[in-house]
Amino acid sequence: QVQLVESGGGLVQPGGSLRLSCQASGFTFSSAAMSWYRQVPGKERELVATITSTGGSTNYADSVKGRFNISRDNAKNTVYLQMNSLKFEDTAVYHCYADWWGPRKYRSWGQGTQVTVSS
């Protein structure tokens, strides 16, 4: 059974930092591209960052470039999102997302973790 479990969210002041983690199970993690998305009520889910299966390539939304860093540890089946210099507009529910190829394309979402940036 495929599972993605996020952790590390919380309340932080503007300018602060948080590190999100996503623990994966039920599939071959090292074969999956991993992403972080975020969603604010009433808005579409936004892609924040993506990392390839080997970790050799990453991509970021323009709004987080230079502030966020996505990384992965394939030995621990975990992907991370280090968020620095947080802004009010980073407040959202952050979701982990995995996609990988088998006989077909597979996709899975985590339940999300709330990040609130507030003074």
PDB file of N, CA and C in Angstrom:
ATOM      1  N   GLN A   1       0.857  -1.193   0.000  1.00  0.00           N
ATOM      2  CA  GLN A   1       0.000   0.000   0.000  1.00  0.00           C
ATOM      3  C   GLN A   1       0.890   1.239   0.000  1.00  0.00           C
ATOM      4  N   VAL A   2       0.661   2.082  -0.982  1.00  0.00           N
ATOM      5  CA  VAL A   2       1.462   3.281  -1.130  1.00  0.00           C
ATOM      6  C   VAL A   2       1.063   4.302  -0.063  1.00  0.00           C
ATOM      7  N   GLN A   3       2.054   4.859   0.593  1.00  0.00           N
ATOM      8  CA  GLN A   3       1.797   5.896   1.596  1.00  0.00           C
ATOM      9  C   GLN A   3       2.845   6.991   1.502  1.00  0.00           C
ATOM     10  N   LEU A   4       2.389   8.219   1.641  1.00  0.00           N
ATOM     11  CA  LEU A   4       3.262   9.381   1.767  1.00  0.00           C
ATOM     12  C   LEU A   4       2.800  10.129   3.010  1.00  0.00           C
ATOM     13  N   VAL A   5       3.694  10.275   3.973  1.00  0.00           N
ATOM     14  CA  VAL A   5       3.332  10.912   5.233  1.00  0.00           C
ATOM     15  C   VAL A   5       4.235  12.117   5.468  1.00  0.00           C
ATOM     16  N   GLU A   6       3.603  13.298   5.446  1.00  0.00           N
ATOM     17  CA  GLU A   6       4.349  14.535   5.659  1.00  0.00           C
ATOM     18  C   GLU A   6       4.442  14.879   7.135  1.00  0.00           C
ATOM     19  N   SER A   7       5.481  15.593   7.487  1.00  0.00           N
ATOM     20  CA  SER A   7       5.649  16.101   8.846  1.00  0.00           C
ATOM     21  C   SER A   7       6.510  17.354   8.797  1.00  0.00           C
ATOM     22  N   GLY A   8       6.518  18.077   9.909  1.00  0.00           N
ATOM     23  CA  GLY A   8       7.402  19.233  10.008  1.00  0.00           C
ATOM     24  C   GLY A   8       6.730  20.573   9.855  1.00  0.00           C
ATOM     25  N   GLY A   9       5.445  20.581   9.545  1.00  0.00           N
ATOM     26  CA  GLY A   9       4.753  21.853   9.438  1.00  0.00           C
ATOM     27  C   GLY A   9       4.551  22.495  10.795  1.00  0.00           C
ATOM     28  N   GLY A  10       4.072  23.729  10.771  1.00  0.00           N
ATOM     29  CA  GLY A  10       3.816  24.423  12.019  1.00  0.00           C
ATOM     30  C   GLY A  10       3.687  25.901  11.824  1.00  0.00           C
ATOM     31  N   LEU A  11       3.757  26.618  12.932  1.00  0.00           N
ATOM     32  CA  LEU A  11       3.645  28.077  12.943  1.00  0.00           C
ATOM     33  C   LEU A  11       5.036  28.674  13.045  1.00  0.00           C
ATOM     34  N   VAL A  12       5.332  29.618  12.175  1.00  0.00           N
ATOM     35  CA  VAL A  12       6.657  30.239  12.167  1.00  0.00           C
ATOM     36  C   VAL A  12       6.492  31.719  11.854  1.00  0.00           C
ATOM     37  N   GLN A  13       7.389  32.528  12.377  1.00  0.00           N
ATOM     38  CA  GLN A  13       7.347  33.968  12.105  1.00  0.00           C
ATOM     39  C   GLN A  13       7.951  34.267  10.733  1.00  0.00           C
ATOM     40  N   PRO A  14       7.559  35.387  10.138  1.00  0.00           N
ATOM     41  CA  PRO A  14       8.196  35.782   8.874  1.00  0.00           C
ATOM     42  C   PRO A  14       9.706  35.846   9.023  1.00  0.00           C
ATOM     43  N   GLY A  15      10.407  35.341   8.013  1.00  0.00           N
ATOM     44  CA  GLY A  15      11.856  35.277   8.058  1.00  0.00           C
ATOM     45  C   GLY A  15      12.394  34.006   8.661  1.00  0.00           C
ATOM     46  N   GLY A  16      11.528  33.206   9.251  1.00  0.00           N
ATOM     47  CA  GLY A  16      11.951  31.971   9.881  1.00  0.00           C
ATOM     48  C   GLY A  16      12.108  30.830   8.895  1.00  0.00           C
ATOM     49  N   SER A  17      12.411  29.660   9.453  1.00  0.00           N
ATOM     50  CA  SER A  17      12.665  28.468   8.645  1.00  0.00           C
ATOM     51  C   SER A  17      11.887  27.270   9.179  1.00  0.00           C
ATOM     52  N   LEU A  18      11.588  26.373   8.267  1.00  0.00           N
ATOM     53  CA  LEU A  18      11.003  25.085   8.611  1.00  0.00           C
ATOM     54  C   LEU A  18      11.575  24.049   7.645  1.00  0.00           C
ATOM     55  N   ARG A  19      11.625  22.801   8.107  1.00  0.00           N
ATOM     56  CA  ARG A  19      11.985  21.717   7.218  1.00  0.00           C
ATOM     57  C   ARG A  19      10.870  20.686   7.219  1.00  0.00           C
ATOM     58  N   LEU A  20      10.302  20.475   6.061  1.00  0.00           N
ATOM     59  CA  LEU A  20       9.268  19.461   5.909  1.00  0.00           C
ATOM     60  C   LEU A  20       9.915  18.143   5.487  1.00  0.00           C
ATOM     61  N   SER A  21       9.307  17.064   5.946  1.00  0.00           N
ATOM     62  CA  SER A  21       9.755  15.722   5.559  1.00  0.00           C
ATOM     63  C   SER A  21       8.562  14.946   5.011  1.00  0.00           C
ATOM     64  N   CYS A  22       8.849  14.043   4.106  1.00  0.00           N
ATOM     65  CA  CYS A  22       7.816  13.160   3.557  1.00  0.00           C
ATOM     66  C   CYS A  22       8.390  11.753   3.534  1.00  0.00           C
ATOM     67  N   GLN A  23       7.824  10.899   4.364  1.00  0.00           N
ATOM     68  CA  GLN A  23       8.258   9.501   4.442  1.00  0.00           C
ATOM     69  C   GLN A  23       7.406   8.667   3.503  1.00  0.00           C
ATOM     70  N   ALA A  24       8.061   7.960   2.594  1.00  0.00           N
ATOM     71  CA  ALA A  24       7.352   7.172   1.587  1.00  0.00           C
ATOM     72  C   ALA A  24       7.451   5.681   1.884  1.00  0.00           C
ATOM     73  N   SER A  25       6.421   4.947   1.490  1.00  0.00           N
ATOM     74  CA  SER A  25       6.435   3.500   1.621  1.00  0.00           C
ATOM     75  C   SER A  25       5.489   2.896   0.593  1.00  0.00           C
ATOM     76  N   GLY A  26       5.704   1.614   0.303  1.00  0.00           N
ATOM     77  CA  GLY A  26       4.793   0.895  -0.585  1.00  0.00           C
ATOM     78  C   GLY A  26       5.154   0.938  -2.052  1.00  0.00           C
ATOM     79  N   PHE A  27       6.254   1.592  -2.391  1.00  0.00           N
ATOM     80  CA  PHE A  27       6.706   1.615  -3.780  1.00  0.00           C
ATOM     81  C   PHE A  27       8.223   1.809  -3.774  1.00  0.00           C
ATOM     82  N   THR A  28       8.832   1.679  -4.936  1.00  0.00           N
ATOM     83  CA  THR A  28      10.277   1.829  -5.041  1.00  0.00           C
ATOM     84  C   THR A  28      10.625   3.303  -5.087  1.00  0.00           C
ATOM     85  N   PHE A  29      10.926   3.829  -3.926  1.00  0.00           N
ATOM     86  CA  PHE A  29      11.129   5.275  -3.777  1.00  0.00           C
ATOM     87  C   PHE A  29      12.213   5.783  -4.719  1.00  0.00           C
ATOM     88  N   SER A  30      13.275   5.037  -4.878  1.00  0.00           N
ATOM     89  CA  SER A  30      14.405   5.500  -5.683  1.00  0.00           C
ATOM     90  C   SER A  30      14.080   5.582  -7.169  1.00  0.00           C
ATOM     91  N   SER A  31      12.915   5.102  -7.556  1.00  0.00           N
ATOM     92  CA  SER A  31      12.486   5.183  -8.954  1.00  0.00           C
ATOM     93  C   SER A  31      11.503   6.325  -9.197  1.00  0.00           C
ATOM     94  N   ALA A  32      11.125   7.012  -8.143  1.00  0.00           N
ATOM     95  CA  ALA A  32      10.068   8.013  -8.249  1.00  0.00           C
ATOM     96  C   ALA A  32      10.621   9.431  -8.249  1.00  0.00           C
ATOM     97  N   ALA A  33      10.082  10.247  -9.137  1.00  0.00           N
ATOM     98  CA  ALA A  33      10.286  11.688  -9.004  1.00  0.00           C
ATOM     99  C   ALA A  33       9.395  12.160  -7.864  1.00  0.00           C
ATOM    100  N   MET A  34       9.899  13.089  -7.082  1.00  0.00           N
ATOM    101  CA  MET A  34       9.152  13.579  -5.915  1.00  0.00           C
ATOM    102  C   MET A  34       8.968  15.087  -6.009  1.00  0.00           C
ATOM    103  N   SER A  35       7.828  15.527  -5.543  1.00  0.00           N
ATOM    104  CA  SER A  35       7.516  16.949  -5.606  1.00  0.00           C
ATOM    105  C   SER A  35       6.835  17.392  -4.323  1.00  0.00           C
ATOM    106  N   TRP A  36       6.903  18.679  -4.098  1.00  0.00           N
ATOM    107  CA  TRP A  36       6.106  19.339  -3.066  1.00  0.00           C
ATOM    108  C   TRP A  36       5.165  20.315  -3.766  1.00  0.00           C
ATOM    109  N   TYR A  37       3.911  20.245  -3.386  1.00  0.00           N
ATOM    110  CA  TYR A  37       2.901  21.189  -3.828  1.00  0.00           C
ATOM    111  C   TYR A  37       2.368  21.903  -2.584  1.00  0.00           C
ATOM    112  N   ARG A  38       1.708  23.013  -2.822  1.00  0.00           N
ATOM    113  CA  ARG A  38       1.024  23.684  -1.714  1.00  0.00           C
ATOM    114  C   ARG A  38      -0.324  24.183  -2.197  1.00  0.00           C
ATOM    115  N   GLN A  39      -1.225  24.303  -1.224  1.00  0.00           N
ATOM    116  CA  GLN A  39      -2.580  24.740  -1.566  1.00  0.00           C
ATOM    117  C   GLN A  39      -3.133  25.635  -0.476  1.00  0.00           C
ATOM    118  N   VAL A  40      -3.735  26.715  -0.922  1.00  0.00           N
ATOM    119  CA  VAL A  40      -4.435  27.647  -0.059  1.00  0.00           C
ATOM    120  C   VAL A  40      -5.926  27.493  -0.359  1.00  0.00           C
ATOM    121  N   PRO A  41      -6.781  27.518   0.650  1.00  0.00           N
ATOM    122  CA  PRO A  41      -8.227  27.375   0.391  1.00  0.00           C
ATOM    123  C   PRO A  41      -8.703  28.350  -0.672  1.00  0.00           C
ATOM    124  N   GLY A  42      -9.451  27.806  -1.632  1.00  0.00           N
ATOM    125  CA  GLY A  42     -10.006  28.647  -2.678  1.00  0.00           C
ATOM    126  C   GLY A  42      -9.084  28.850  -3.866  1.00  0.00           C
ATOM    127  N   LYS A  43      -7.872  28.324  -3.788  1.00  0.00           N
ATOM    128  CA  LYS A  43      -6.916  28.457  -4.888  1.00  0.00           C
ATOM    129  C   LYS A  43      -6.481  27.087  -5.382  1.00  0.00           C
ATOM    130  N   GLU A  44      -5.959  27.077  -6.604  1.00  0.00           N
ATOM    131  CA  GLU A  44      -5.454  25.822  -7.160  1.00  0.00           C
ATOM    132  C   GLU A  44      -4.170  25.389  -6.459  1.00  0.00           C
ATOM    133  N   ARG A  45      -3.959  24.077  -6.472  1.00  0.00           N
ATOM    134  CA  ARG A  45      -2.725  23.556  -5.911  1.00  0.00           C
ATOM    135  C   ARG A  45      -1.550  24.025  -6.757  1.00  0.00           C
ATOM    136  N   GLU A  46      -0.491  24.472  -6.107  1.00  0.00           N
ATOM    137  CA  GLU A  46       0.668  25.056  -6.787  1.00  0.00           C
ATOM    138  C   GLU A  46       1.891  24.159  -6.626  1.00  0.00           C
ATOM    139  N   LEU A  47       2.584  23.903  -7.727  1.00  0.00           N
ATOM    140  CA  LEU A  47       3.832  23.151  -7.652  1.00  0.00           C
ATOM    141  C   LEU A  47       4.915  24.031  -7.049  1.00  0.00           C
ATOM    142  N   VAL A  48       5.557  23.537  -6.001  1.00  0.00           N
ATOM    143  CA  VAL A  48       6.593  24.294  -5.308  1.00  0.00           C
ATOM    144  C   VAL A  48       7.984  23.867  -5.770  1.00  0.00           C
ATOM    145  N   ALA A  49       8.223  22.546  -5.759  1.00  0.00           N
ATOM    146  CA  ALA A  49       9.557  22.053  -6.109  1.00  0.00           C
ATOM    147  C   ALA A  49       9.473  20.596  -6.526  1.00  0.00           C
ATOM    148  N   THR A  50      10.396  20.195  -7.399  1.00  0.00           N
ATOM    149  CA  THR A  50      10.467  18.818  -7.883  1.00  0.00           C
ATOM    150  C   THR A  50      11.909  18.356  -7.859  1.00  0.00           C
ATOM    151  N   ILE A  51      12.086  17.064  -7.580  1.00  0.00           N
ATOM    152  CA  ILE A  51      13.419  16.472  -7.620  1.00  0.00           C
ATOM    153  C   ILE A  51      13.325  15.138  -8.354  1.00  0.00           C
ATOM    154  N   THR A  52      14.296  14.876  -9.212  1.00  0.00           N
ATOM    155  CA  THR A  52      14.288  13.629  -9.963  1.00  0.00           C
ATOM    156  C   THR A  52      14.612  12.436  -9.054  1.00  0.00           C
ATOM    157  N   SER A  53      14.450  11.253  -9.596  1.00  0.00           N
ATOM    158  CA  SER A  53      14.592  10.036  -8.789  1.00  0.00           C
ATOM    159  C   SER A  53      15.979   9.899  -8.170  1.00  0.00           C
ATOM    160  N   THR A  54      16.998  10.347  -8.889  1.00  0.00           N
ATOM    161  CA  THR A  54      18.365  10.232  -8.371  1.00  0.00           C
ATOM    162  C   THR A  54      18.773  11.454  -7.555  1.00  0.00           C
ATOM    163  N   GLY A  55      17.958  12.478  -7.605  1.00  0.00           N
ATOM    164  CA  GLY A  55      18.318  13.736  -6.944  1.00  0.00           C
ATOM    165  C   GLY A  55      19.233  14.608  -7.770  1.00  0.00           C
ATOM    166  N   GLY A  56      19.457  14.211  -9.002  1.00  0.00           N
ATOM    167  CA  GLY A  56      20.401  14.943  -9.824  1.00  0.00           C
ATOM    168  C   GLY A  56      19.889  16.242 -10.405  1.00  0.00           C
ATOM    169  N   SER A  57      18.579  16.422 -10.376  1.00  0.00           N
ATOM    170  CA  SER A  57      18.004  17.640 -10.942  1.00  0.00           C
ATOM    171  C   SER A  57      16.831  18.094 -10.098  1.00  0.00           C
ATOM    172  N   THR A  58      16.736  19.400  -9.939  1.00  0.00           N
ATOM    173  CA  THR A  58      15.635  19.986  -9.175  1.00  0.00           C
ATOM    174  C   THR A  58      15.052  21.163  -9.944  1.00  0.00           C
ATOM    175  N   ASN A  59      13.801  21.468  -9.641  1.00  0.00           N
ATOM    176  CA  ASN A  59      13.141  22.638 -10.213  1.00  0.00           C
ATOM    177  C   ASN A  59      12.293  23.291  -9.137  1.00  0.00           C
ATOM    178  N   TYR A  60      12.163  24.607  -9.242  1.00  0.00           N
ATOM    179  CA  TYR A  60      11.432  25.366  -8.230  1.00  0.00           C
ATOM    180  C   TYR A  60      10.491  26.361  -8.882  1.00  0.00           C
ATOM    181  N   ALA A  61       9.409  26.630  -8.183  1.00  0.00           N
ATOM    182  CA  ALA A  61       8.555  27.741  -8.577  1.00  0.00           C
ATOM    183  C   ALA A  61       9.342  29.036  -8.392  1.00  0.00           C
ATOM    184  N   ASP A  62       9.068  30.005  -9.258  1.00  0.00           N
ATOM    185  CA  ASP A  62       9.777  31.281  -9.159  1.00  0.00           C
ATOM    186  C   ASP A  62       9.596  31.924  -7.783  1.00  0.00           C
ATOM    187  N   SER A  63       8.436  31.708  -7.191  1.00  0.00           N
ATOM    188  CA  SER A  63       8.122  32.355  -5.910  1.00  0.00           C
ATOM    189  C   SER A  63       8.978  31.842  -4.750  1.00  0.00           C
ATOM    190  N   VAL A  64       9.631  30.684  -4.921  1.00  0.00           N
ATOM    191  CA  VAL A  64      10.415  30.119  -3.814  1.00  0.00           C
ATOM    192  C   VAL A  64      11.896  29.961  -4.151  1.00  0.00           C
ATOM    193  N   LYS A  65      12.274  30.271  -5.374  1.00  0.00           N
ATOM    194  CA  LYS A  65      13.683  30.118  -5.777  1.00  0.00           C
ATOM    195  C   LYS A  65      14.589  30.936  -4.875  1.00  0.00           C
ATOM    196  N   GLY A  66      15.670  30.310  -4.462  1.00  0.00           N
ATOM    197  CA  GLY A  66      16.623  30.982  -3.590  1.00  0.00           C
ATOM    198  C   GLY A  66      16.271  30.914  -2.118  1.00  0.00           C
ATOM    199  N   ARG A  67      15.054  30.471  -1.809  1.00  0.00           N
ATOM    200  CA  ARG A  67      14.621  30.375  -0.400  1.00  0.00           C
ATOM    201  C   ARG A  67      14.369  28.935   0.026  1.00  0.00           C
ATOM    202  N   PHE A  68      13.862  28.118  -0.890  1.00  0.00           N
ATOM    203  CA  PHE A  68      13.519  26.726  -0.581  1.00  0.00           C
ATOM    204  C   PHE A  68      14.517  25.787  -1.246  1.00  0.00           C
ATOM    205  N   ASN A  69      14.717  24.636  -0.607  1.00  0.00           N
ATOM    206  CA  ASN A  69      15.593  23.618  -1.181  1.00  0.00           C
ATOM    207  C   ASN A  69      14.960  22.241  -1.000  1.00  0.00           C
ATOM    208  N   ILE A  70      14.802  21.522  -2.109  1.00  0.00           N
ATOM    209  CA  ILE A  70      14.273  20.167  -2.054  1.00  0.00           C
ATOM    210  C   ILE A  70      15.444  19.192  -2.128  1.00  0.00           C
ATOM    211  N   SER A  71      15.361  18.148  -1.325  1.00  0.00           N
ATOM    212  CA  SER A  71      16.402  17.120  -1.327  1.00  0.00           C
ATOM    213  C   SER A  71      15.758  15.780  -0.984  1.00  0.00           C
ATOM    214  N   ARG A  72      16.527  14.719  -1.159  1.00  0.00           N
ATOM    215  CA  ARG A  72      15.982  13.391  -0.871  1.00  0.00           C
ATOM    216  C   ARG A  72      17.090  12.488  -0.349  1.00  0.00           C
ATOM    217  N   ASP A  73      16.660  11.505   0.423  1.00  0.00           N
ATOM    218  CA  ASP A  73      17.559  10.469   0.912  1.00  0.00           C
ATOM    219  C   ASP A  73      16.932   9.136   0.510  1.00  0.00           C
ATOM    220  N   ASN A  74      17.434   8.545  -0.540  1.00  0.00           N
ATOM    221  CA  ASN A  74      16.830   7.307  -1.044  1.00  0.00           C
ATOM    222  C   ASN A  74      17.038   6.133  -0.095  1.00  0.00           C
ATOM    223  N   ALA A  75      18.025   6.209   0.759  1.00  0.00           N
ATOM    224  CA  ALA A  75      18.232   5.151   1.745  1.00  0.00           C
ATOM    225  C   ALA A  75      17.165   5.195   2.839  1.00  0.00           C
ATOM    226  N   LYS A  76      16.591   6.376   3.038  1.00  0.00           N
ATOM    227  CA  LYS A  76      15.569   6.549   4.077  1.00  0.00           C
ATOM    228  C   LYS A  76      14.172   6.705   3.498  1.00  0.00           C
ATOM    229  N   ASN A  77      14.057   6.619   2.171  1.00  0.00           N
ATOM    230  CA  ASN A  77      12.746   6.785   1.513  1.00  0.00           C
ATOM    231  C   ASN A  77      12.073   8.094   1.923  1.00  0.00           C
ATOM    232  N   THR A  78      12.860   9.139   1.968  1.00  0.00           N
ATOM    233  CA  THR A  78      12.361  10.414   2.471  1.00  0.00           C
ATOM    234  C   THR A  78      12.779  11.554   1.554  1.00  0.00           C
ATOM    235  N   VAL A  79      11.834  12.459   1.345  1.00  0.00           N
ATOM    236  CA  VAL A  79      12.118  13.702   0.633  1.00  0.00           C
ATOM    237  C   VAL A  79      11.891  14.857   1.593  1.00  0.00           C
ATOM    238  N   TYR A  80      12.691  15.896   1.438  1.00  0.00           N
ATOM    239  CA  TYR A  80      12.663  17.041   2.347  1.00  0.00           C
ATOM    240  C   TYR A  80      12.393  18.325   1.581  1.00  0.00           C
ATOM    241  N   LEU A  81      11.863  19.292   2.294  1.00  0.00           N
ATOM    242  CA  LEU A  81      11.754  20.643   1.763  1.00  0.00           C
ATOM    243  C   LEU A  81      12.236  21.597   2.848  1.00  0.00           C
ATOM    244  N   GLN A  82      13.412  22.144   2.636  1.00  0.00           N
ATOM    245  CA  GLN A  82      13.939  23.152   3.555  1.00  0.00           C
ATOM    246  C   GLN A  82      13.432  24.514   3.113  1.00  0.00           C
ATOM    247  N   MET A  83      12.727  25.185   4.001  1.00  0.00           N
ATOM    248  CA  MET A  83      12.112  26.470   3.675  1.00  0.00           C
ATOM    249  C   MET A  83      12.736  27.542   4.552  1.00  0.00           C
ATOM    250  N   ASN A  84      13.386  28.492   3.924  1.00  0.00           N
ATOM    251  CA  ASN A  84      14.028  29.597   4.630  1.00  0.00           C
ATOM    252  C   ASN A  84      13.391  30.922   4.231  1.00  0.00           C
ATOM    253  N   SER A  85      13.658  31.933   5.008  1.00  0.00           N
ATOM    254  CA  SER A  85      13.145  33.284   4.732  1.00  0.00           C
ATOM    255  C   SER A  85      11.656  33.245   4.416  1.00  0.00           C
ATOM    256  N   LEU A  86      10.923  32.575   5.266  1.00  0.00           N
ATOM    257  CA  LEU A  86       9.497  32.382   5.010  1.00  0.00           C
ATOM    258  C   LEU A  86       8.734  33.693   5.027  1.00  0.00           C
ATOM    259  N   LYS A  87       7.727  33.758   4.158  1.00  0.00           N
ATOM    260  CA  LYS A  87       6.892  34.948   4.008  1.00  0.00           C
ATOM    261  C   LYS A  87       5.440  34.587   4.334  1.00  0.00           C
ATOM    262  N   PHE A  88       4.656  35.621   4.598  1.00  0.00           N
ATOM    263  CA  PHE A  88       3.228  35.395   4.876  1.00  0.00           C
ATOM    264  C   PHE A  88       2.593  34.567   3.756  1.00  0.00           C
ATOM    265  N   GLU A  89       2.968  34.862   2.518  1.00  0.00           N
ATOM    266  CA  GLU A  89       2.332  34.198   1.380  1.00  0.00           C
ATOM    267  C   GLU A  89       2.758  32.747   1.202  1.00  0.00           C
ATOM    268  N   ASP A  90       3.669  32.268   2.026  1.00  0.00           N
ATOM    269  CA  ASP A  90       4.019  30.848   2.000  1.00  0.00           C
ATOM    270  C   ASP A  90       3.054  30.006   2.831  1.00  0.00           C
ATOM    271  N   THR A  91       2.156  30.671   3.532  1.00  0.00           N
ATOM    272  CA  THR A  91       1.165  29.942   4.319  1.00  0.00           C
ATOM    273  C   THR A  91       0.296  29.085   3.414  1.00  0.00           C
ATOM    274  N   ALA A  92       0.224  27.797   3.716  1.00  0.00           N
ATOM    275  CA  ALA A  92      -0.526  26.853   2.886  1.00  0.00           C
ATOM    276  C   ALA A  92      -0.441  25.473   3.510  1.00  0.00           C
ATOM    277  N   VAL A  93      -1.214  24.565   2.957  1.00  0.00           N
ATOM    278  CA  VAL A  93      -1.019  23.144   3.255  1.00  0.00           C
ATOM    279  C   VAL A  93      -0.049  22.608   2.207  1.00  0.00           C
ATOM    280  N   TYR A  94       1.012  21.981   2.669  1.00  0.00           N
ATOM    281  CA  TYR A  94       2.043  21.458   1.782  1.00  0.00           C
ATOM    282  C   TYR A  94       1.863  19.947   1.628  1.00  0.00           C
ATOM    283  N   HIS A  95       1.806  19.539   0.370  1.00  0.00           N
ATOM    284  CA  HIS A  95       1.579  18.129   0.052  1.00  0.00           C
ATOM    285  C   HIS A  95       2.793  17.537  -0.658  1.00  0.00           C
ATOM    286  N   CYS A  96       3.092  16.331  -0.300  1.00  0.00           N
ATOM    287  CA  CYS A  96       4.111  15.539  -0.973  1.00  0.00           C
ATOM    288  C   CYS A  96       3.453  14.773  -2.129  1.00  0.00           C
ATOM    289  N   TYR A  97       4.171  14.635  -3.228  1.00  0.00           N
ATOM    290  CA  TYR A  97       3.627  13.970  -4.420  1.00  0.00           C
ATOM    291  C   TYR A  97       4.720  13.107  -5.036  1.00  0.00           C
ATOM    292  N   ALA A  98       4.324  11.908  -5.426  1.00  0.00           N
ATOM    293  CA  ALA A  98       5.262  10.989  -6.073  1.00  0.00           C
ATOM    294  C   ALA A  98       4.694  10.511  -7.393  1.00  0.00           C
ATOM    295  N   ASP A  99       5.544  10.372  -8.396  1.00  0.00           N
ATOM    296  CA  ASP A  99       5.122   9.697  -9.620  1.00  0.00           C
ATOM    297  C   ASP A  99       6.267   8.837 -10.148  1.00  0.00           C
ATOM    298  N   TRP A 100       5.878   7.690 -10.661  1.00  0.00           N
ATOM    299  CA  TRP A 100       6.866   6.732 -11.149  1.00  0.00           C
ATOM    300  C   TRP A 100       6.241   5.836 -12.201  1.00  0.00           C
ATOM    301  N   TRP A 101       7.098   5.203 -12.997  1.00  0.00           N
ATOM    302  CA  TRP A 101       6.645   4.321 -14.067  1.00  0.00           C
ATOM    303  C   TRP A 101       6.777   2.860 -13.662  1.00  0.00           C
ATOM    304  N   GLY A 102       5.730   2.117 -13.974  1.00  0.00           N
ATOM    305  CA  GLY A 102       5.728   0.668 -13.895  1.00  0.00           C
ATOM    306  C   GLY A 102       5.098   0.204 -15.192  1.00  0.00           C
ATOM    307  N   PRO A 103       4.134  -0.674 -15.119  1.00  0.00           N
ATOM    308  CA  PRO A 103       3.374  -1.016 -16.328  1.00  0.00           C
ATOM    309  C   PRO A 103       2.647   0.216 -16.881  1.00  0.00           C
ATOM    310  N   ARG A 104       2.426   1.188 -16.018  1.00  0.00           N
ATOM    311  CA  ARG A 104       1.790   2.461 -16.394  1.00  0.00           C
ATOM    312  C   ARG A 104       2.367   3.533 -15.480  1.00  0.00           C
ATOM    313  N   LYS A 105       1.879   4.757 -15.646  1.00  0.00           N
ATOM    314  CA  LYS A 105       2.307   5.843 -14.761  1.00  0.00           C
ATOM    315  C   LYS A 105       1.523   5.765 -13.451  1.00  0.00           C
ATOM    316  N   TYR A 106       2.247   5.826 -12.356  1.00  0.00           N
ATOM    317  CA  TYR A 106       1.614   5.815 -11.038  1.00  0.00           C
ATOM    318  C   TYR A 106       1.818   7.177 -10.374  1.00  0.00           C
ATOM    319  N   ARG A 107       0.828   7.576  -9.586  1.00  0.00           N
ATOM    320  CA  ARG A 107       0.906   8.841  -8.858  1.00  0.00           C
ATOM    321  C   ARG A 107       0.339   8.639  -7.468  1.00  0.00           C
ATOM    322  N   SER A 108       0.872   9.404  -6.506  1.00  0.00           N
ATOM    323  CA  SER A 108       0.337   9.332  -5.156  1.00  0.00           C
ATOM    324  C   SER A 108       0.544  10.665  -4.451  1.00  0.00           C
ATOM    325  N   TRP A 109      -0.409  10.998  -3.594  1.00  0.00           N
ATOM    326  CA  TRP A 109      -0.377  12.234  -2.817  1.00  0.00           C
ATOM    327  C   TRP A 109      -0.356  11.919  -1.335  1.00  0.00           C
ATOM    328  N   GLY A 110       0.330  12.778  -0.592  1.00  0.00           N
ATOM    329  CA  GLY A 110       0.219  12.738   0.854  1.00  0.00           C
ATOM    330  C   GLY A 110      -0.948  13.580   1.325  1.00  0.00           C
ATOM    331  N   GLN A 111      -1.261  13.476   2.618  1.00  0.00           N
ATOM    332  CA  GLN A 111      -2.403  14.187   3.179  1.00  0.00           C
ATOM    333  C   GLN A 111      -2.109  15.670   3.413  1.00  0.00           C
ATOM    334  N   GLY A 112      -0.854  15.997   3.545  1.00  0.00           N
ATOM    335  CA  GLY A 112      -0.486  17.393   3.701  1.00  0.00           C
ATOM    336  C   GLY A 112      -0.122  17.765   5.119  1.00  0.00           C
ATOM    337  N   THR A 113       0.651  18.834   5.232  1.00  0.00           N
ATOM    338  CA  THR A 113       1.012  19.404   6.526  1.00  0.00           C
ATOM    339  C   THR A 113       0.866  20.915   6.442  1.00  0.00           C
ATOM    340  N   GLN A 114       0.285  21.492   7.472  1.00  0.00           N
ATOM    341  CA  GLN A 114      -0.011  22.928   7.462  1.00  0.00           C
ATOM    342  C   GLN A 114       1.235  23.735   7.830  1.00  0.00           C
ATOM    343  N   VAL A 115       1.506  24.730   7.024  1.00  0.00           N
ATOM    344  CA  VAL A 115       2.546  25.707   7.328  1.00  0.00           C
ATOM    345  C   VAL A 115       1.871  27.073   7.445  1.00  0.00           C
ATOM    346  N   THR A 116       2.050  27.704   8.578  1.00  0.00           N
ATOM    347  CA  THR A 116       1.472  29.030   8.812  1.00  0.00           C
ATOM    348  C   THR A 116       2.582  29.999   9.164  1.00  0.00           C
ATOM    349  N   VAL A 117       2.676  31.051   8.361  1.00  0.00           N
ATOM    350  CA  VAL A 117       3.665  32.095   8.609  1.00  0.00           C
ATOM    351  C   VAL A 117       2.907  33.307   9.143  1.00  0.00           C
ATOM    352  N   SER A 118       3.176  33.635  10.393  1.00  0.00           N
ATOM    353  CA  SER A 118       2.425  34.702  11.046  1.00  0.00           C
ATOM    354  C   SER A 118       3.273  35.324  12.145  1.00  0.00           C
ATOM    355  N   SER A 119       3.054  36.621  12.348  1.00  0.00           N
ATOM    356  CA  SER A 119       3.750  37.307  13.435  1.00  0.00           C
ATOM    357  C   SER A 119       2.870  37.383  14.670  1.00  0.00           C
TER     358      SER A 119
END
